[in-house]
Amino acid sequence: MKRAVLLAFCLAAGALQSPNAMADPAPQRVHGLIKSFDGQYLTVKADSGQTVTVGVQPVTHIVHSRTIALADLKSGDSVGTLALMGADNKLRAQAIRVFPGGMQGNGEGQYPLESNASRMVTNGTIAAVASTPSGGALTVSFHGAATQGANACTGHATPDGCTGTADLIIARGVPIIAMSDGDTTLLLPGAIVSVFATADPASLLTADSIIVERDGKPAQ
């Protein structure tokens, strides 16, 4: 489950990149604990044990994540889901992310993970959500790459692609994380972050996007 959550975070962060950033080399990911932020440079103690300094600019996209309940999901929410395809061809959710409104349509589609074809990523819009005795059920609508009239709608969305839906089973305990736009006031000591940064020719890192996964506290 921890690996599923990590993959979902990476999926969400990919959608956070601007069109220009997507054309640049793939950003480096730094995950760890904030040690300090002076308004320009963020210092993070990475999971590897290294201390990494990353520049933060006004255009850096900062996102705040928080755990929510199934009852907080609603039709029209933009979501990214990671689910396991069972032998019965049913999708069982492993992680759900609710994206900020401005991200609706980013990374839309349905496709398997390269590392495990039985794990399906579905990015789209909630069409229906319901509670069940064992948890819940979610229907996600999305645009795919197949031509209209194809037997199945899959792949990354294209302008002339298909429209499909995916039904997911949500067991109790599946993490549901809401992601909302944030600012530099969230970059407090002790906060846990995922930083996606681009290195310049001198190997200095500048953050493209930062996900604050756990809140920190102001320095005493």
N, C-alpha and C. Protein backbone atom coordinates (compact mmCIF):
# COMPACT_ATOMS: atom_id res chain seq x y z
N MET A 1 0.82 -1.21 0.00
CA MET A 1 0.00 0.00 0.00
C MET A 1 0.85 1.25 0.00
N LYS A 2 1.98 1.25 0.74
CA LYS A 2 2.84 2.42 0.75
C LYS A 2 3.37 2.71 -0.64
N ARG A 3 3.74 1.64 -1.38
CA ARG A 3 4.23 1.86 -2.74
C ARG A 3 3.13 2.44 -3.61
N ALA A 4 1.87 1.98 -3.42
CA ALA A 4 0.76 2.51 -4.21
C ALA A 4 0.58 3.99 -3.95
N VAL A 5 0.68 4.39 -2.67
CA VAL A 5 0.54 5.80 -2.33
C VAL A 5 1.64 6.62 -2.99
N LEU A 6 2.87 6.11 -2.95
CA LEU A 6 3.99 6.83 -3.55
C LEU A 6 3.77 7.00 -5.04
N LEU A 7 3.31 5.94 -5.72
CA LEU A 7 3.07 6.04 -7.15
C LEU A 7 1.99 7.06 -7.46
N ALA A 8 0.96 7.11 -6.61
CA ALA A 8 -0.10 8.08 -6.84
C ALA A 8 0.40 9.50 -6.69
N PHE A 9 1.30 9.73 -5.70
CA PHE A 9 1.89 11.06 -5.54
C PHE A 9 2.68 11.44 -6.77
N CYS A 10 3.44 10.50 -7.32
CA CYS A 10 4.23 10.79 -8.51
C CYS A 10 3.32 11.10 -9.69
N LEU A 11 2.22 10.35 -9.78
CA LEU A 11 1.24 10.60 -10.82
C LEU A 11 0.70 12.01 -10.71
N ALA A 12 0.31 12.40 -9.51
CA ALA A 12 -0.24 13.74 -9.31
C ALA A 12 0.78 14.80 -9.66
N ALA A 13 2.01 14.62 -9.24
CA ALA A 13 3.03 15.63 -9.49
C ALA A 13 3.29 15.78 -10.97
N GLY A 14 3.21 14.70 -11.74
CA GLY A 14 3.38 14.82 -13.17
C GLY A 14 2.33 15.73 -13.77
N ALA A 15 1.12 15.67 -13.24
CA ALA A 15 0.06 16.54 -13.74
C ALA A 15 0.24 17.97 -13.31
N LEU A 16 1.09 18.21 -12.30
CA LEU A 16 1.29 19.58 -11.82
C LEU A 16 2.22 20.38 -12.71
N GLN A 17 2.95 19.72 -13.62
CA GLN A 17 3.91 20.44 -14.42
C GLN A 17 3.19 21.28 -15.47
N SER A 18 3.72 22.46 -15.73
CA SER A 18 3.16 23.32 -16.76
C SER A 18 3.51 22.76 -18.13
N PRO A 19 2.82 23.17 -19.24
CA PRO A 19 3.16 22.68 -20.56
C PRO A 19 4.61 22.92 -20.91
N ASN A 20 5.18 24.07 -20.51
CA ASN A 20 6.57 24.34 -20.81
C ASN A 20 7.49 23.39 -20.05
N ALA A 21 7.14 23.12 -18.78
CA ALA A 21 7.98 22.23 -17.99
C ALA A 21 7.98 20.84 -18.57
N MET A 22 6.83 20.40 -19.14
CA MET A 22 6.76 19.06 -19.68
C MET A 22 7.71 18.89 -20.86
N ALA A 23 8.05 20.00 -21.54
CA ALA A 23 8.95 19.93 -22.69
C ALA A 23 10.40 19.87 -22.26
N ASP A 24 10.69 20.21 -21.02
CA ASP A 24 12.04 20.22 -20.50
C ASP A 24 12.42 18.83 -20.00
N PRO A 25 13.70 18.62 -19.64
CA PRO A 25 14.11 17.32 -19.08
C PRO A 25 13.27 16.98 -17.85
N ALA A 26 13.08 15.68 -17.64
CA ALA A 26 12.27 15.23 -16.52
C ALA A 26 12.82 15.77 -15.20
N PRO A 27 11.94 16.29 -14.33
CA PRO A 27 12.42 16.85 -13.06
C PRO A 27 12.91 15.76 -12.12
N GLN A 28 13.81 16.15 -11.23
CA GLN A 28 14.27 15.25 -10.19
C GLN A 28 13.31 15.34 -9.01
N ARG A 29 13.11 14.21 -8.32
CA ARG A 29 12.22 14.19 -7.16
C ARG A 29 13.05 14.11 -5.89
N VAL A 30 12.77 15.02 -4.98
CA VAL A 30 13.40 15.02 -3.66
C VAL A 30 12.30 14.89 -2.63
N HIS A 31 12.33 13.83 -1.85
CA HIS A 31 11.32 13.61 -0.81
C HIS A 31 12.00 13.64 0.55
N GLY A 32 11.42 14.40 1.47
CA GLY A 32 12.02 14.45 2.80
C GLY A 32 11.39 15.48 3.69
N LEU A 33 12.14 15.86 4.71
CA LEU A 33 11.67 16.75 5.78
C LEU A 33 12.29 18.13 5.61
N ILE A 34 11.45 19.17 5.67
CA ILE A 34 11.97 20.53 5.57
C ILE A 34 12.77 20.89 6.82
N LYS A 35 13.98 21.36 6.60
CA LYS A 35 14.80 21.87 7.69
C LYS A 35 14.64 23.39 7.83
N SER A 36 14.59 24.09 6.69
CA SER A 36 14.42 25.54 6.75
C SER A 36 14.01 26.07 5.38
N PHE A 37 13.44 27.28 5.41
CA PHE A 37 13.11 28.01 4.18
C PHE A 37 13.29 29.49 4.47
N ASP A 38 14.16 30.14 3.69
CA ASP A 38 14.47 31.55 3.96
C ASP A 38 13.76 32.51 3.02
N GLY A 39 12.77 32.01 2.30
CA GLY A 39 12.04 32.84 1.36
C GLY A 39 12.52 32.68 -0.07
N GLN A 40 13.71 32.11 -0.23
CA GLN A 40 14.26 31.89 -1.56
C GLN A 40 14.79 30.48 -1.75
N TYR A 41 15.37 29.92 -0.68
CA TYR A 41 15.94 28.58 -0.77
C TYR A 41 15.32 27.66 0.27
N LEU A 42 14.94 26.47 -0.20
CA LEU A 42 14.35 25.45 0.66
C LEU A 42 15.40 24.39 0.94
N THR A 43 15.62 24.09 2.21
CA THR A 43 16.57 23.06 2.60
C THR A 43 15.80 21.86 3.12
N VAL A 44 16.05 20.71 2.50
CA VAL A 44 15.32 19.48 2.82
C VAL A 44 16.30 18.39 3.21
N LYS A 45 15.99 17.71 4.33
CA LYS A 45 16.72 16.49 4.67
C LYS A 45 16.03 15.35 3.95
N ALA A 46 16.64 14.87 2.87
CA ALA A 46 16.03 13.86 2.02
C ALA A 46 15.98 12.51 2.71
N ASP A 47 15.12 11.64 2.21
CA ASP A 47 15.00 10.28 2.76
C ASP A 47 16.33 9.54 2.69
N SER A 48 17.16 9.91 1.74
CA SER A 48 18.48 9.28 1.59
C SER A 48 19.45 9.67 2.70
N GLY A 49 19.09 10.72 3.47
CA GLY A 49 19.97 11.22 4.51
C GLY A 49 20.75 12.45 4.08
N GLN A 50 20.75 12.73 2.78
CA GLN A 50 21.44 13.91 2.28
C GLN A 50 20.62 15.18 2.56
N THR A 51 21.31 16.30 2.71
CA THR A 51 20.66 17.59 2.82
C THR A 51 20.70 18.26 1.46
N VAL A 52 19.52 18.63 0.94
CA VAL A 52 19.40 19.17 -0.41
C VAL A 52 18.83 20.57 -0.34
N THR A 53 19.43 21.49 -1.07
CA THR A 53 18.93 22.86 -1.15
C THR A 53 18.33 23.10 -2.53
N VAL A 54 17.11 23.63 -2.54
CA VAL A 54 16.37 23.84 -3.79
C VAL A 54 15.87 25.28 -3.83
N GLY A 55 16.06 25.95 -4.95
CA GLY A 55 15.54 27.29 -5.11
C GLY A 55 14.03 27.27 -5.33
N VAL A 56 13.34 28.24 -4.74
CA VAL A 56 11.88 28.37 -4.90
C VAL A 56 11.61 29.72 -5.56
N GLN A 57 10.87 29.71 -6.66
CA GLN A 57 10.56 30.92 -7.40
C GLN A 57 9.08 31.25 -7.29
N PRO A 58 8.69 32.49 -7.67
CA PRO A 58 7.26 32.84 -7.64
C PRO A 58 6.40 31.91 -8.49
N VAL A 59 6.97 31.31 -9.54
CA VAL A 59 6.18 30.44 -10.43
C VAL A 59 6.14 29.00 -9.92
N THR A 60 6.88 28.68 -8.85
CA THR A 60 6.84 27.32 -8.31
C THR A 60 5.43 27.00 -7.83
N HIS A 61 4.90 25.88 -8.28
CA HIS A 61 3.54 25.47 -7.92
C HIS A 61 3.58 24.69 -6.61
N ILE A 62 2.93 25.21 -5.60
CA ILE A 62 2.91 24.57 -4.28
C ILE A 62 1.51 24.01 -4.02
N VAL A 63 1.47 22.76 -3.63
CA VAL A 63 0.21 22.06 -3.41
C VAL A 63 0.17 21.49 -2.00
N HIS A 64 -0.97 21.61 -1.36
CA HIS A 64 -1.19 21.09 -0.01
C HIS A 64 -2.05 19.84 -0.11
N SER A 65 -1.62 18.75 0.50
CA SER A 65 -2.42 17.52 0.49
C SER A 65 -2.94 17.22 1.88
N ARG A 66 -4.17 16.70 1.95
CA ARG A 66 -4.76 16.32 3.24
C ARG A 66 -5.66 15.11 3.03
N THR A 67 -5.77 14.30 4.06
CA THR A 67 -6.62 13.11 3.98
C THR A 67 -8.08 13.50 4.16
N ILE A 68 -8.94 12.95 3.31
CA ILE A 68 -10.37 13.19 3.42
C ILE A 68 -11.11 11.86 3.44
N ALA A 69 -12.41 11.92 3.69
CA ALA A 69 -13.24 10.72 3.76
C ALA A 69 -13.97 10.51 2.43
N LEU A 70 -14.43 9.30 2.21
CA LEU A 70 -15.20 8.98 1.01
C LEU A 70 -16.39 9.93 0.86
N ALA A 71 -17.01 10.27 1.98
CA ALA A 71 -18.19 11.14 1.94
C ALA A 71 -17.87 12.54 1.42
N ASP A 72 -16.57 12.91 1.42
CA ASP A 72 -16.18 14.23 0.93
C ASP A 72 -16.05 14.28 -0.59
N LEU A 73 -16.01 13.12 -1.24
CA LEU A 73 -15.94 13.09 -2.69
C LEU A 73 -17.29 13.47 -3.28
N LYS A 74 -17.27 14.16 -4.43
CA LYS A 74 -18.52 14.57 -5.08
C LYS A 74 -18.38 14.55 -6.59
N SER A 75 -19.49 14.45 -7.27
CA SER A 75 -19.49 14.47 -8.73
C SER A 75 -18.86 15.76 -9.23
N GLY A 76 -18.05 15.63 -10.26
CA GLY A 76 -17.38 16.79 -10.84
C GLY A 76 -15.96 16.98 -10.35
N ASP A 77 -15.58 16.31 -9.25
CA ASP A 77 -14.20 16.41 -8.77
C ASP A 77 -13.25 15.81 -9.79
N SER A 78 -12.11 16.44 -9.98
CA SER A 78 -11.06 15.92 -10.85
C SER A 78 -10.16 15.01 -10.01
N VAL A 79 -9.99 13.76 -10.44
CA VAL A 79 -9.28 12.78 -9.63
C VAL A 79 -8.25 12.00 -10.45
N GLY A 80 -7.26 11.50 -9.73
CA GLY A 80 -6.34 10.51 -10.25
C GLY A 80 -6.43 9.29 -9.37
N THR A 81 -6.59 8.12 -9.95
CA THR A 81 -6.75 6.91 -9.16
C THR A 81 -5.73 5.86 -9.60
N LEU A 82 -5.32 5.06 -8.65
CA LEU A 82 -4.49 3.89 -8.92
C LEU A 82 -5.27 2.69 -8.43
N ALA A 83 -5.48 1.70 -9.29
CA ALA A 83 -6.32 0.56 -8.94
C ALA A 83 -5.71 -0.73 -9.45
N LEU A 84 -6.01 -1.81 -8.77
CA LEU A 84 -5.55 -3.14 -9.15
C LEU A 84 -6.65 -3.84 -9.93
N MET A 85 -6.31 -4.32 -11.14
CA MET A 85 -7.27 -5.07 -11.95
C MET A 85 -7.26 -6.52 -11.50
N GLY A 86 -8.40 -6.99 -11.01
CA GLY A 86 -8.50 -8.36 -10.51
C GLY A 86 -8.79 -9.36 -11.60
N ALA A 87 -8.74 -10.64 -11.25
CA ALA A 87 -9.04 -11.70 -12.21
C ALA A 87 -10.48 -11.62 -12.70
N ASP A 88 -11.34 -10.94 -11.93
CA ASP A 88 -12.73 -10.77 -12.32
C ASP A 88 -12.94 -9.52 -13.18
N ASN A 89 -11.81 -8.88 -13.60
CA ASN A 89 -11.84 -7.67 -14.42
C ASN A 89 -12.47 -6.48 -13.70
N LYS A 90 -12.43 -6.50 -12.38
CA LYS A 90 -12.92 -5.36 -11.60
C LYS A 90 -11.73 -4.59 -11.03
N LEU A 91 -11.87 -3.28 -11.01
CA LEU A 91 -10.82 -2.40 -10.51
C LEU A 91 -11.04 -2.13 -9.03
N ARG A 92 -10.01 -2.43 -8.23
CA ARG A 92 -10.07 -2.17 -6.79
C ARG A 92 -9.07 -1.07 -6.45
N ALA A 93 -9.59 0.06 -6.00
CA ALA A 93 -8.77 1.24 -5.79
C ALA A 93 -7.70 0.98 -4.74
N GLN A 94 -6.49 1.51 -4.99
CA GLN A 94 -5.40 1.45 -4.03
C GLN A 94 -5.07 2.85 -3.50
N ALA A 95 -5.37 3.88 -4.28
CA ALA A 95 -5.14 5.26 -3.86
C ALA A 95 -5.97 6.18 -4.73
N ILE A 96 -6.48 7.25 -4.13
CA ILE A 96 -7.28 8.24 -4.85
C ILE A 96 -6.76 9.62 -4.51
N ARG A 97 -6.55 10.45 -5.52
CA ARG A 97 -6.13 11.83 -5.32
C ARG A 97 -7.15 12.76 -5.95
N VAL A 98 -7.58 13.76 -5.20
CA VAL A 98 -8.48 14.79 -5.72
C VAL A 98 -7.63 16.00 -6.06
N PHE A 99 -7.62 16.41 -7.34
CA PHE A 99 -6.77 17.49 -7.79
C PHE A 99 -7.46 18.84 -7.66
N PRO A 100 -6.68 19.92 -7.56
CA PRO A 100 -7.27 21.27 -7.57
C PRO A 100 -8.05 21.50 -8.86
N GLY A 101 -9.06 22.38 -8.79
CA GLY A 101 -9.92 22.63 -9.94
C GLY A 101 -9.18 23.02 -11.20
N GLY A 102 -8.11 23.80 -11.05
CA GLY A 102 -7.35 24.25 -12.20
C GLY A 102 -6.63 23.14 -12.93
N MET A 103 -6.55 21.95 -12.34
CA MET A 103 -5.85 20.83 -12.95
C MET A 103 -6.78 19.89 -13.69
N GLN A 104 -8.06 20.22 -13.77
CA GLN A 104 -9.02 19.33 -14.42
C GLN A 104 -8.61 19.09 -15.87
N GLY A 105 -8.54 17.83 -16.26
CA GLY A 105 -8.18 17.46 -17.62
C GLY A 105 -6.70 17.17 -17.81
N ASN A 106 -5.85 17.57 -16.85
CA ASN A 106 -4.42 17.30 -16.99
C ASN A 106 -4.13 15.81 -16.80
N GLY A 107 -3.37 15.24 -17.74
CA GLY A 107 -2.99 13.83 -17.64
C GLY A 107 -4.16 12.88 -17.76
N GLU A 108 -5.25 13.31 -18.40
CA GLU A 108 -6.47 12.51 -18.44
C GLU A 108 -6.29 11.24 -19.26
N GLY A 109 -6.96 10.18 -18.85
CA GLY A 109 -6.93 8.93 -19.58
C GLY A 109 -6.93 7.73 -18.65
N GLN A 110 -6.76 6.56 -19.23
CA GLN A 110 -6.65 5.31 -18.46
C GLN A 110 -5.59 4.43 -19.10
N TYR A 111 -4.63 3.98 -18.29
CA TYR A 111 -3.52 3.22 -18.83
C TYR A 111 -2.84 2.44 -17.71
N PRO A 112 -2.19 1.32 -18.03
CA PRO A 112 -1.50 0.54 -17.00
C PRO A 112 -0.16 1.17 -16.64
N LEU A 113 0.31 0.88 -15.43
CA LEU A 113 1.66 1.28 -15.04
C LEU A 113 2.65 0.46 -15.87
N GLU A 114 3.74 1.10 -16.27
CA GLU A 114 4.76 0.38 -17.04
C GLU A 114 5.36 -0.76 -16.23
N SER A 115 5.45 -0.57 -14.92
CA SER A 115 6.08 -1.58 -14.06
C SER A 115 5.15 -2.72 -13.69
N ASN A 116 3.85 -2.55 -13.88
CA ASN A 116 2.89 -3.58 -13.47
C ASN A 116 1.59 -3.37 -14.22
N ALA A 117 1.38 -4.16 -15.26
CA ALA A 117 0.22 -3.96 -16.14
C ALA A 117 -1.11 -4.22 -15.44
N SER A 118 -1.10 -4.88 -14.29
CA SER A 118 -2.36 -5.13 -13.58
C SER A 118 -2.79 -3.93 -12.74
N ARG A 119 -1.91 -2.92 -12.62
CA ARG A 119 -2.26 -1.70 -11.91
C ARG A 119 -2.61 -0.63 -12.92
N MET A 120 -3.83 -0.11 -12.80
CA MET A 120 -4.36 0.84 -13.77
C MET A 120 -4.44 2.24 -13.18
N VAL A 121 -3.95 3.20 -13.95
CA VAL A 121 -4.11 4.61 -13.62
C VAL A 121 -5.32 5.13 -14.38
N THR A 122 -6.22 5.79 -13.67
CA THR A 122 -7.36 6.44 -14.31
C THR A 122 -7.43 7.88 -13.84
N ASN A 123 -7.24 8.81 -14.76
CA ASN A 123 -7.36 10.24 -14.47
C ASN A 123 -8.59 10.76 -15.18
N GLY A 124 -9.49 11.38 -14.42
CA GLY A 124 -10.71 11.89 -15.04
C GLY A 124 -11.55 12.65 -14.04
N THR A 125 -12.86 12.58 -14.24
CA THR A 125 -13.81 13.33 -13.42
C THR A 125 -14.80 12.37 -12.78
N ILE A 126 -15.08 12.58 -11.50
CA ILE A 126 -16.05 11.71 -10.82
C ILE A 126 -17.43 11.91 -11.43
N ALA A 127 -18.02 10.80 -11.89
CA ALA A 127 -19.39 10.83 -12.41
C ALA A 127 -20.39 10.41 -11.35
N ALA A 128 -19.96 9.52 -10.45
CA ALA A 128 -20.86 9.05 -9.38
C ALA A 128 -20.01 8.47 -8.25
N VAL A 129 -20.51 8.61 -7.04
CA VAL A 129 -19.85 8.04 -5.87
C VAL A 129 -20.92 7.56 -4.91
N ALA A 130 -20.67 6.40 -4.29
CA ALA A 130 -21.67 5.83 -3.38
C ALA A 130 -20.97 5.08 -2.27
N SER A 131 -21.63 5.03 -1.11
CA SER A 131 -21.15 4.24 0.01
C SER A 131 -21.74 2.84 -0.09
N THR A 132 -20.97 1.84 0.33
CA THR A 132 -21.43 0.45 0.35
C THR A 132 -21.09 -0.14 1.72
N PRO A 133 -21.69 -1.27 2.08
CA PRO A 133 -21.39 -1.87 3.38
C PRO A 133 -19.90 -2.14 3.59
N SER A 134 -19.15 -2.41 2.51
CA SER A 134 -17.74 -2.74 2.64
C SER A 134 -16.82 -1.55 2.35
N GLY A 135 -17.39 -0.41 2.00
CA GLY A 135 -16.58 0.76 1.66
C GLY A 135 -17.32 1.70 0.74
N GLY A 136 -17.00 1.64 -0.55
CA GLY A 136 -17.68 2.52 -1.48
C GLY A 136 -17.44 2.11 -2.92
N ALA A 137 -18.06 2.85 -3.81
CA ALA A 137 -17.92 2.62 -5.25
C ALA A 137 -17.78 3.97 -5.93
N LEU A 138 -16.96 4.02 -6.96
CA LEU A 138 -16.65 5.27 -7.64
C LEU A 138 -16.71 5.04 -9.14
N THR A 139 -17.38 5.93 -9.84
CA THR A 139 -17.38 5.91 -11.31
C THR A 139 -16.65 7.15 -11.80
N VAL A 140 -15.62 6.93 -12.61
CA VAL A 140 -14.80 8.03 -13.14
C VAL A 140 -14.98 8.08 -14.66
N SER A 141 -15.31 9.24 -15.18
CA SER A 141 -15.39 9.43 -16.63
C SER A 141 -14.09 10.06 -17.12
N PHE A 142 -13.68 9.69 -18.32
CA PHE A 142 -12.40 10.19 -18.83
C PHE A 142 -12.40 10.16 -20.36
N HIS A 143 -11.47 10.90 -20.94
CA HIS A 143 -11.22 10.85 -22.37
C HIS A 143 -9.97 10.00 -22.61
N GLY A 144 -10.02 9.17 -23.65
CA GLY A 144 -8.90 8.29 -23.96
C GLY A 144 -8.37 8.53 -25.36
N ALA A 145 -7.58 7.56 -25.83
CA ALA A 145 -6.91 7.71 -27.12
C ALA A 145 -7.60 6.93 -28.24
N ALA A 146 -8.44 5.96 -27.90
CA ALA A 146 -9.07 5.14 -28.92
C ALA A 146 -10.05 5.98 -29.75
N THR A 147 -10.30 5.54 -30.97
CA THR A 147 -11.27 6.25 -31.82
C THR A 147 -12.68 5.98 -31.32
N GLN A 148 -13.58 6.92 -31.62
CA GLN A 148 -14.96 6.75 -31.20
C GLN A 148 -15.53 5.48 -31.84
N GLY A 149 -16.27 4.72 -31.04
CA GLY A 149 -16.86 3.48 -31.53
C GLY A 149 -16.02 2.26 -31.27
N ALA A 150 -14.81 2.44 -30.72
CA ALA A 150 -13.96 1.29 -30.39
C ALA A 150 -14.58 0.50 -29.24
N ASN A 151 -14.19 -0.77 -29.13
CA ASN A 151 -14.77 -1.62 -28.09
C ASN A 151 -14.45 -1.13 -26.69
N ALA A 152 -13.27 -0.57 -26.51
CA ALA A 152 -12.86 -0.08 -25.19
C ALA A 152 -12.16 1.26 -25.34
N CYS A 153 -12.38 2.14 -24.38
CA CYS A 153 -11.74 3.45 -24.38
C CYS A 153 -10.58 3.41 -23.39
N THR A 154 -9.35 3.53 -23.89
CA THR A 154 -8.17 3.50 -23.03
C THR A 154 -7.14 4.49 -23.57
N GLY A 155 -6.03 4.59 -22.86
CA GLY A 155 -4.92 5.42 -23.31
C GLY A 155 -5.02 6.85 -22.81
N HIS A 156 -4.00 7.63 -23.14
CA HIS A 156 -3.97 9.04 -22.78
C HIS A 156 -4.92 9.82 -23.68
N ALA A 157 -5.59 10.81 -23.12
CA ALA A 157 -6.58 11.58 -23.86
C ALA A 157 -5.97 12.24 -25.09
N THR A 158 -6.71 12.24 -26.18
CA THR A 158 -6.34 12.95 -27.40
C THR A 158 -7.53 13.79 -27.83
N PRO A 159 -7.30 14.86 -28.63
CA PRO A 159 -8.40 15.75 -29.01
C PRO A 159 -9.56 15.04 -29.70
N ASP A 160 -9.26 14.02 -30.50
CA ASP A 160 -10.32 13.31 -31.22
C ASP A 160 -10.55 11.90 -30.66
N GLY A 161 -10.17 11.72 -29.39
CA GLY A 161 -10.28 10.39 -28.79
C GLY A 161 -11.67 10.07 -28.27
N CYS A 162 -11.73 8.93 -27.59
CA CYS A 162 -13.00 8.40 -27.10
C CYS A 162 -13.35 8.95 -25.72
N THR A 163 -14.54 8.64 -25.26
CA THR A 163 -14.98 8.95 -23.91
C THR A 163 -15.36 7.64 -23.23
N GLY A 164 -14.82 7.41 -22.05
CA GLY A 164 -15.09 6.17 -21.36
C GLY A 164 -15.38 6.39 -19.89
N THR A 165 -15.75 5.33 -19.20
CA THR A 165 -15.97 5.37 -17.76
C THR A 165 -15.29 4.16 -17.12
N ALA A 166 -14.92 4.32 -15.86
CA ALA A 166 -14.32 3.23 -15.10
C ALA A 166 -15.01 3.14 -13.75
N ASP A 167 -15.39 1.94 -13.37
CA ASP A 167 -16.01 1.70 -12.07
C ASP A 167 -14.97 1.11 -11.13
N LEU A 168 -14.81 1.72 -9.97
CA LEU A 168 -13.81 1.27 -9.00
C LEU A 168 -14.47 0.88 -7.69
N ILE A 169 -13.99 -0.21 -7.11
CA ILE A 169 -14.40 -0.64 -5.78
C ILE A 169 -13.45 -0.02 -4.77
N ILE A 170 -14.00 0.61 -3.73
CA ILE A 170 -13.17 1.27 -2.73
C ILE A 170 -13.34 0.55 -1.40
N ALA A 171 -12.32 -0.14 -0.96
CA ALA A 171 -12.37 -0.82 0.34
C ALA A 171 -12.11 0.19 1.45
N ARG A 172 -12.54 -0.15 2.64
CA ARG A 172 -12.26 0.72 3.79
C ARG A 172 -10.75 0.82 3.98
N GLY A 173 -10.28 2.02 4.27
CA GLY A 173 -8.86 2.22 4.50
C GLY A 173 -8.07 2.67 3.30
N VAL A 174 -8.66 2.64 2.11
CA VAL A 174 -7.96 3.15 0.93
C VAL A 174 -7.71 4.64 1.11
N PRO A 175 -6.46 5.11 0.96
CA PRO A 175 -6.17 6.53 1.18
C PRO A 175 -6.81 7.42 0.12
N ILE A 176 -7.51 8.44 0.59
CA ILE A 176 -8.11 9.45 -0.29
C ILE A 176 -7.52 10.79 0.10
N ILE A 177 -6.78 11.39 -0.80
CA ILE A 177 -6.06 12.62 -0.50
C ILE A 177 -6.57 13.75 -1.38
N ALA A 178 -6.95 14.86 -0.76
CA ALA A 178 -7.35 16.05 -1.50
C ALA A 178 -6.14 16.96 -1.63
N MET A 179 -5.91 17.45 -2.84
CA MET A 179 -4.79 18.32 -3.11
C MET A 179 -5.33 19.70 -3.50
N SER A 180 -4.89 20.73 -2.78
CA SER A 180 -5.36 22.09 -3.03
C SER A 180 -4.17 23.02 -3.23
N ASP A 181 -4.41 24.11 -3.93
CA ASP A 181 -3.34 25.08 -4.17
C ASP A 181 -2.86 25.67 -2.84
N GLY A 182 -1.55 25.81 -2.71
CA GLY A 182 -0.96 26.36 -1.49
C GLY A 182 0.01 27.48 -1.81
N ASP A 183 0.75 27.91 -0.80
CA ASP A 183 1.76 28.95 -1.00
C ASP A 183 2.94 28.68 -0.07
N THR A 184 3.89 29.61 -0.06
CA THR A 184 5.13 29.40 0.70
C THR A 184 4.93 29.38 2.21
N THR A 185 3.75 29.81 2.70
CA THR A 185 3.51 29.74 4.14
C THR A 185 3.44 28.29 4.62
N LEU A 186 3.30 27.35 3.71
CA LEU A 186 3.26 25.93 4.07
C LEU A 186 4.66 25.34 4.24
N LEU A 187 5.69 26.06 3.81
CA LEU A 187 7.06 25.52 3.82
C LEU A 187 7.69 25.75 5.18
N LEU A 188 7.18 25.03 6.17
CA LEU A 188 7.60 25.18 7.56
C LEU A 188 8.51 24.04 7.98
N PRO A 189 9.40 24.26 8.95
CA PRO A 189 10.24 23.18 9.45
C PRO A 189 9.41 22.00 9.93
N GLY A 190 9.86 20.81 9.56
CA GLY A 190 9.15 19.60 9.97
C GLY A 190 8.13 19.11 8.97
N ALA A 191 7.77 19.94 8.00
CA ALA A 191 6.83 19.50 6.97
C ALA A 191 7.49 18.44 6.09
N ILE A 192 6.70 17.46 5.68
CA ILE A 192 7.18 16.45 4.75
C ILE A 192 6.75 16.85 3.35
N VAL A 193 7.70 16.86 2.43
CA VAL A 193 7.41 17.35 1.09
C VAL A 193 7.97 16.42 0.01
N SER A 194 7.33 16.49 -1.15
CA SER A 194 7.88 15.95 -2.39
C SER A 194 8.17 17.14 -3.28
N VAL A 195 9.44 17.32 -3.61
CA VAL A 195 9.86 18.45 -4.44
C VAL A 195 10.27 17.90 -5.81
N PHE A 196 9.70 18.48 -6.86
CA PHE A 196 10.08 18.12 -8.22
C PHE A 196 10.84 19.30 -8.79
N ALA A 197 12.13 19.11 -9.04
CA ALA A 197 13.02 20.21 -9.35
C ALA A 197 13.82 19.94 -10.62
N THR A 198 14.19 21.03 -11.29
CA THR A 198 15.00 20.95 -12.50
C THR A 198 16.39 21.50 -12.20
N ALA A 199 17.42 20.80 -12.68
CA ALA A 199 18.80 21.23 -12.47
C ALA A 199 19.26 22.09 -13.64
N ASP A 200 19.96 23.18 -13.33
CA ASP A 200 20.55 24.01 -14.38
C ASP A 200 21.92 23.46 -14.75
N PRO A 201 22.62 24.07 -15.73
CA PRO A 201 23.94 23.53 -16.14
C PRO A 201 24.94 23.43 -15.00
N ALA A 202 24.74 24.24 -13.95
CA ALA A 202 25.66 24.19 -12.80
C ALA A 202 25.19 23.21 -11.73
N SER A 203 24.14 22.43 -12.05
CA SER A 203 23.57 21.41 -11.15
C SER A 203 22.84 22.02 -9.96
N LEU A 204 22.48 23.30 -10.03
CA LEU A 204 21.66 23.91 -8.99
C LEU A 204 20.20 23.59 -9.26
N LEU A 205 19.49 23.19 -8.21
CA LEU A 205 18.11 22.76 -8.36
C LEU A 205 17.14 23.91 -8.15
N THR A 206 16.12 23.98 -9.00
CA THR A 206 15.03 24.94 -8.84
C THR A 206 13.72 24.16 -8.86
N ALA A 207 12.87 24.40 -7.88
CA ALA A 207 11.62 23.64 -7.75
C ALA A 207 10.61 24.05 -8.81
N ASP A 208 10.09 23.05 -9.54
CA ASP A 208 8.97 23.27 -10.45
C ASP A 208 7.66 23.17 -9.67
N SER A 209 7.58 22.17 -8.79
CA SER A 209 6.39 21.98 -7.97
C SER A 209 6.78 21.35 -6.64
N ILE A 210 5.98 21.64 -5.62
CA ILE A 210 6.21 21.11 -4.28
C ILE A 210 4.88 20.61 -3.73
N ILE A 211 4.86 19.37 -3.29
CA ILE A 211 3.67 18.83 -2.63
C ILE A 211 3.96 18.73 -1.15
N VAL A 212 3.19 19.42 -0.34
CA VAL A 212 3.32 19.35 1.12
C VAL A 212 2.43 18.21 1.61
N GLU A 213 3.07 17.11 2.01
CA GLU A 213 2.34 15.89 2.37
C GLU A 213 1.95 15.86 3.85
N ARG A 214 2.73 16.54 4.69
CA ARG A 214 2.40 16.65 6.11
C ARG A 214 2.81 18.02 6.59
N ASP A 215 1.94 18.66 7.36
CA ASP A 215 2.20 20.03 7.81
C ASP A 215 3.37 20.09 8.78
N GLY A 216 4.10 21.20 8.72
CA GLY A 216 5.15 21.47 9.69
C GLY A 216 4.68 22.45 10.73
N LYS A 217 5.63 22.95 11.53
CA LYS A 217 5.31 23.92 12.59
C LYS A 217 6.28 25.10 12.50
N PRO A 218 5.80 26.30 12.82
CA PRO A 218 6.70 27.45 12.79
C PRO A 218 7.86 27.25 13.75
N ALA A 219 9.03 27.74 13.36
CA ALA A 219 10.22 27.64 14.20
C ALA A 219 10.00 28.42 15.48
N GLN A 220 10.44 27.86 16.61
CA GLN A 220 10.25 28.52 17.92
C GLN A 220 11.32 29.58 18.11
